[in-house]
């Protein structure tokens, strides 16, 4: 029964997230992405805590994969944000 509740909460969160993000004006996407990078940093810290608490091999494997994916997500988010901010920089003075 707990699995169904978790699935229901996940589906509700996914639907709510999609609806909220689809209503955001284009001009706010860069600040929103920067804020989501902060959340990805927290996810990375959580994944490291889980990996540190792992006791058997399977838990360590799942924790390691979580750390790798969270780190890649955070770094990728910062790279994309930097590229988006570069689009807004003025080209004056560049030759």
N, C-alpha and C. Protein backbone atom coordinates (compact mmCIF):
# COMPACT_ATOMS: atom_id res chain seq x y z
N UNK A 1 0.81 -1.20 0.00
CA UNK A 1 0.00 0.00 0.00
C UNK A 1 0.85 1.26 0.00
N UNK A 2 1.99 1.23 0.71
CA UNK A 2 2.87 2.40 0.74
C UNK A 2 3.41 2.74 -0.64
N UNK A 3 3.63 1.72 -1.46
CA UNK A 3 4.13 1.95 -2.82
C UNK A 3 3.12 2.73 -3.66
N UNK A 4 1.84 2.41 -3.48
CA UNK A 4 0.82 3.13 -4.24
C UNK A 4 0.71 4.59 -3.79
N UNK A 5 0.86 4.82 -2.51
CA UNK A 5 0.83 6.20 -2.01
C UNK A 5 2.02 6.98 -2.54
N UNK A 6 3.20 6.35 -2.54
CA UNK A 6 4.39 7.01 -3.07
C UNK A 6 4.23 7.30 -4.56
N UNK A 7 3.67 6.35 -5.30
CA UNK A 7 3.43 6.56 -6.73
C UNK A 7 2.42 7.69 -6.95
N UNK A 8 1.39 7.73 -6.14
CA UNK A 8 0.38 8.80 -6.25
C UNK A 8 1.02 10.17 -5.98
N UNK A 9 1.83 10.25 -4.95
CA UNK A 9 2.49 11.52 -4.62
C UNK A 9 3.44 11.92 -5.75
N UNK A 10 4.18 10.95 -6.31
CA UNK A 10 5.09 11.25 -7.41
C UNK A 10 4.32 11.77 -8.63
N UNK A 11 3.23 11.12 -8.98
CA UNK A 11 2.44 11.55 -10.13
C UNK A 11 1.84 12.93 -9.90
N UNK A 12 1.36 13.20 -8.70
CA UNK A 12 0.81 14.50 -8.37
C UNK A 12 1.89 15.59 -8.44
N UNK A 13 3.08 15.29 -7.94
CA UNK A 13 4.18 16.24 -7.99
C UNK A 13 4.61 16.50 -9.43
N UNK A 14 4.66 15.45 -10.26
CA UNK A 14 5.04 15.62 -11.66
C UNK A 14 4.02 16.49 -12.39
N UNK A 15 2.75 16.23 -12.19
CA UNK A 15 1.71 17.03 -12.84
C UNK A 15 1.76 18.48 -12.38
N UNK A 16 1.89 18.68 -11.07
CA UNK A 16 1.95 20.05 -10.53
C UNK A 16 3.18 20.78 -11.05
N UNK A 17 4.32 20.11 -11.07
CA UNK A 17 5.54 20.72 -11.59
C UNK A 17 5.40 21.11 -13.04
N UNK A 18 4.81 20.24 -13.84
CA UNK A 18 4.61 20.56 -15.26
C UNK A 18 3.71 21.78 -15.41
N UNK A 19 2.64 21.82 -14.66
CA UNK A 19 1.71 22.95 -14.77
C UNK A 19 2.37 24.26 -14.32
N UNK A 20 3.14 24.21 -13.25
CA UNK A 20 3.79 25.43 -12.75
C UNK A 20 4.84 25.92 -13.75
N UNK A 21 5.68 25.01 -14.24
CA UNK A 21 6.75 25.40 -15.15
C UNK A 21 6.20 25.90 -16.48
N UNK A 22 5.12 25.32 -16.94
CA UNK A 22 4.57 25.76 -18.23
C UNK A 22 3.99 27.17 -18.17
N UNK A 23 3.69 27.66 -16.98
CA UNK A 23 3.12 29.00 -16.82
C UNK A 23 4.18 30.08 -16.58
N UNK A 24 5.45 29.71 -16.50
CA UNK A 24 6.51 30.67 -16.22
C UNK A 24 6.85 31.44 -17.50
N UNK A 25 6.91 32.77 -17.43
CA UNK A 25 7.30 33.55 -18.62
C UNK A 25 8.74 33.24 -19.02
N UNK A 26 9.04 33.42 -20.30
CA UNK A 26 10.35 33.10 -20.83
C UNK A 26 11.45 33.89 -20.12
N UNK A 27 11.19 35.13 -19.77
CA UNK A 27 12.21 35.98 -19.15
C UNK A 27 12.64 35.44 -17.78
N UNK A 28 11.82 34.62 -17.15
CA UNK A 28 12.15 34.09 -15.82
C UNK A 28 12.80 32.72 -15.85
N UNK A 29 13.02 32.14 -17.02
CA UNK A 29 13.57 30.79 -17.07
C UNK A 29 14.99 30.73 -16.51
N UNK A 30 15.83 31.74 -16.79
CA UNK A 30 17.21 31.71 -16.30
C UNK A 30 17.27 31.79 -14.77
N UNK A 31 16.55 32.73 -14.12
CA UNK A 31 16.57 32.72 -12.65
C UNK A 31 15.96 31.44 -12.06
N UNK A 32 14.95 30.92 -12.72
CA UNK A 32 14.33 29.68 -12.23
C UNK A 32 15.31 28.53 -12.34
N UNK A 33 16.06 28.49 -13.42
CA UNK A 33 17.04 27.43 -13.60
C UNK A 33 18.16 27.56 -12.56
N UNK A 34 18.56 28.78 -12.26
CA UNK A 34 19.57 28.99 -11.24
C UNK A 34 19.08 28.48 -9.88
N UNK A 35 17.83 28.74 -9.58
CA UNK A 35 17.25 28.24 -8.33
C UNK A 35 17.17 26.73 -8.30
N UNK A 36 16.87 26.12 -9.45
CA UNK A 36 16.79 24.66 -9.48
C UNK A 36 18.18 24.05 -9.32
N UNK A 37 19.23 24.76 -9.75
CA UNK A 37 20.59 24.27 -9.53
C UNK A 37 20.90 24.19 -8.04
N UNK A 38 20.36 25.12 -7.26
CA UNK A 38 20.52 25.08 -5.81
C UNK A 38 19.89 23.80 -5.26
N UNK A 39 18.72 23.46 -5.76
CA UNK A 39 18.04 22.24 -5.31
C UNK A 39 18.86 21.01 -5.70
N UNK A 40 19.46 21.03 -6.89
CA UNK A 40 20.28 19.90 -7.31
C UNK A 40 21.50 19.74 -6.39
N UNK A 41 22.01 20.85 -5.89
CA UNK A 41 23.11 20.76 -4.92
C UNK A 41 22.68 20.08 -3.65
N UNK A 42 21.46 20.36 -3.21
CA UNK A 42 20.94 19.70 -2.01
C UNK A 42 20.73 18.21 -2.27
N UNK A 43 20.26 17.87 -3.46
CA UNK A 43 20.09 16.47 -3.84
C UNK A 43 21.44 15.76 -3.81
N UNK A 44 22.48 16.43 -4.29
CA UNK A 44 23.82 15.85 -4.28
C UNK A 44 24.28 15.59 -2.85
N UNK A 45 24.07 16.52 -1.96
CA UNK A 45 24.44 16.32 -0.55
C UNK A 45 23.66 15.14 0.04
N UNK A 46 22.38 15.06 -0.26
CA UNK A 46 21.57 13.93 0.22
C UNK A 46 22.07 12.60 -0.32
N UNK A 47 22.46 12.58 -1.59
CA UNK A 47 22.99 11.34 -2.18
C UNK A 47 24.29 10.93 -1.50
N UNK A 48 25.13 11.92 -1.16
CA UNK A 48 26.38 11.60 -0.47
C UNK A 48 26.12 11.06 0.93
N UNK A 49 25.10 11.60 1.60
CA UNK A 49 24.75 11.10 2.93
C UNK A 49 24.26 9.66 2.83
N UNK A 50 23.42 9.39 1.83
CA UNK A 50 22.91 8.02 1.63
C UNK A 50 24.07 7.08 1.35
N UNK A 51 25.00 7.51 0.50
CA UNK A 51 26.15 6.66 0.20
C UNK A 51 27.00 6.42 1.45
N UNK A 52 27.14 7.42 2.28
CA UNK A 52 27.91 7.26 3.51
C UNK A 52 27.25 6.33 4.51
N UNK A 53 25.94 6.21 4.47
CA UNK A 53 25.20 5.34 5.38
C UNK A 53 24.99 3.93 4.83
N UNK A 54 25.41 3.68 3.59
CA UNK A 54 25.21 2.37 2.95
C UNK A 54 26.00 1.29 3.68
N UNK A 55 25.37 0.14 3.84
CA UNK A 55 26.01 -0.95 4.57
C UNK A 55 26.41 -2.12 3.68
N UNK A 56 25.57 -2.48 2.71
CA UNK A 56 25.94 -3.61 1.86
C UNK A 56 26.26 -3.13 0.45
N UNK A 57 26.65 -4.06 -0.39
CA UNK A 57 27.10 -3.72 -1.73
C UNK A 57 26.04 -3.07 -2.60
N UNK A 58 24.81 -3.56 -2.50
CA UNK A 58 23.74 -3.01 -3.34
C UNK A 58 23.43 -1.57 -2.94
N UNK A 59 23.39 -1.29 -1.64
CA UNK A 59 23.15 0.07 -1.17
C UNK A 59 24.27 1.00 -1.61
N UNK A 60 25.50 0.52 -1.57
CA UNK A 60 26.63 1.32 -2.01
C UNK A 60 26.56 1.61 -3.50
N UNK A 61 26.15 0.62 -4.28
CA UNK A 61 26.02 0.81 -5.73
C UNK A 61 24.95 1.85 -6.05
N UNK A 62 23.79 1.72 -5.42
CA UNK A 62 22.71 2.67 -5.65
C UNK A 62 23.12 4.07 -5.18
N UNK A 63 23.79 4.15 -4.04
CA UNK A 63 24.26 5.44 -3.54
C UNK A 63 25.28 6.07 -4.46
N UNK A 64 26.20 5.25 -5.00
CA UNK A 64 27.21 5.77 -5.92
C UNK A 64 26.55 6.29 -7.20
N UNK A 65 25.61 5.54 -7.73
CA UNK A 65 24.91 5.98 -8.94
C UNK A 65 24.15 7.27 -8.66
N UNK A 66 23.54 7.37 -7.48
CA UNK A 66 22.83 8.60 -7.12
C UNK A 66 23.77 9.79 -7.05
N UNK A 67 24.96 9.59 -6.49
CA UNK A 67 25.94 10.69 -6.40
C UNK A 67 26.39 11.11 -7.80
N UNK A 68 26.68 10.14 -8.65
CA UNK A 68 27.13 10.46 -10.01
C UNK A 68 26.04 11.21 -10.79
N UNK A 69 24.81 10.72 -10.72
CA UNK A 69 23.72 11.38 -11.45
C UNK A 69 23.43 12.77 -10.89
N UNK A 70 23.44 12.90 -9.58
CA UNK A 70 23.17 14.21 -8.97
C UNK A 70 24.28 15.21 -9.31
N UNK A 71 25.52 14.75 -9.29
CA UNK A 71 26.64 15.64 -9.63
C UNK A 71 26.57 16.07 -11.10
N UNK A 72 26.28 15.12 -11.97
CA UNK A 72 26.14 15.45 -13.38
C UNK A 72 25.00 16.41 -13.64
N UNK A 73 23.91 16.23 -12.93
CA UNK A 73 22.76 17.11 -13.08
C UNK A 73 23.08 18.52 -12.60
N UNK A 74 23.74 18.64 -11.47
CA UNK A 74 24.10 19.96 -10.94
C UNK A 74 25.10 20.67 -11.84
N UNK A 75 26.14 19.97 -12.26
CA UNK A 75 27.15 20.58 -13.13
C UNK A 75 26.54 20.97 -14.47
N UNK A 76 25.75 20.08 -15.04
CA UNK A 76 25.09 20.39 -16.31
C UNK A 76 24.17 21.59 -16.20
N UNK A 77 23.47 21.71 -15.09
CA UNK A 77 22.59 22.86 -14.89
C UNK A 77 23.36 24.16 -14.84
N UNK A 78 24.51 24.15 -14.17
CA UNK A 78 25.32 25.37 -14.12
C UNK A 78 25.91 25.71 -15.49
N UNK A 79 26.29 24.70 -16.26
CA UNK A 79 26.83 24.95 -17.60
C UNK A 79 25.76 25.56 -18.49
N UNK A 80 24.56 25.01 -18.45
CA UNK A 80 23.47 25.53 -19.27
C UNK A 80 23.10 26.95 -18.82
N UNK A 81 23.06 27.19 -17.51
CA UNK A 81 22.75 28.54 -17.01
C UNK A 81 23.80 29.54 -17.48
N UNK A 82 25.06 29.15 -17.44
CA UNK A 82 26.13 30.04 -17.89
C UNK A 82 25.98 30.36 -19.38
N UNK A 83 25.64 29.36 -20.16
CA UNK A 83 25.44 29.60 -21.60
C UNK A 83 24.25 30.53 -21.84
N UNK A 84 23.20 30.35 -21.06
CA UNK A 84 22.03 31.22 -21.22
C UNK A 84 22.37 32.65 -20.82
N UNK A 85 23.13 32.83 -19.76
CA UNK A 85 23.51 34.17 -19.33
C UNK A 85 24.45 34.83 -20.34
N UNK A 86 25.28 34.04 -21.01
CA UNK A 86 26.16 34.59 -22.04
C UNK A 86 25.36 35.18 -23.20
N UNK A 87 24.18 34.67 -23.45
CA UNK A 87 23.35 35.19 -24.54
C UNK A 87 22.90 36.62 -24.24
N UNK A 88 22.82 36.98 -22.97
CA UNK A 88 22.34 38.31 -22.59
C UNK A 88 23.47 39.33 -22.46
N UNK A 89 24.72 38.90 -22.56
CA UNK A 89 25.84 39.83 -22.42
C UNK A 89 25.96 40.70 -23.66
N UNK A 90 26.37 41.92 -23.42
CA UNK A 90 26.54 42.86 -24.50
C UNK A 90 27.82 42.54 -25.29
N UNK A 91 27.76 42.70 -26.58
CA UNK A 91 28.95 42.45 -27.41
C UNK A 91 29.77 43.71 -27.63
N UNK A 92 29.45 44.80 -26.91
CA UNK A 92 30.22 46.04 -27.04
C UNK A 92 31.62 45.83 -26.50
N UNK A 93 32.58 46.36 -27.21
CA UNK A 93 33.95 46.28 -26.76
C UNK A 93 34.68 45.02 -27.23
N UNK A 94 33.96 44.05 -27.74
CA UNK A 94 34.60 42.84 -28.25
C UNK A 94 35.00 43.06 -29.70
N UNK A 95 36.19 42.63 -30.04
CA UNK A 95 36.66 42.78 -31.44
C UNK A 95 37.21 41.50 -31.95
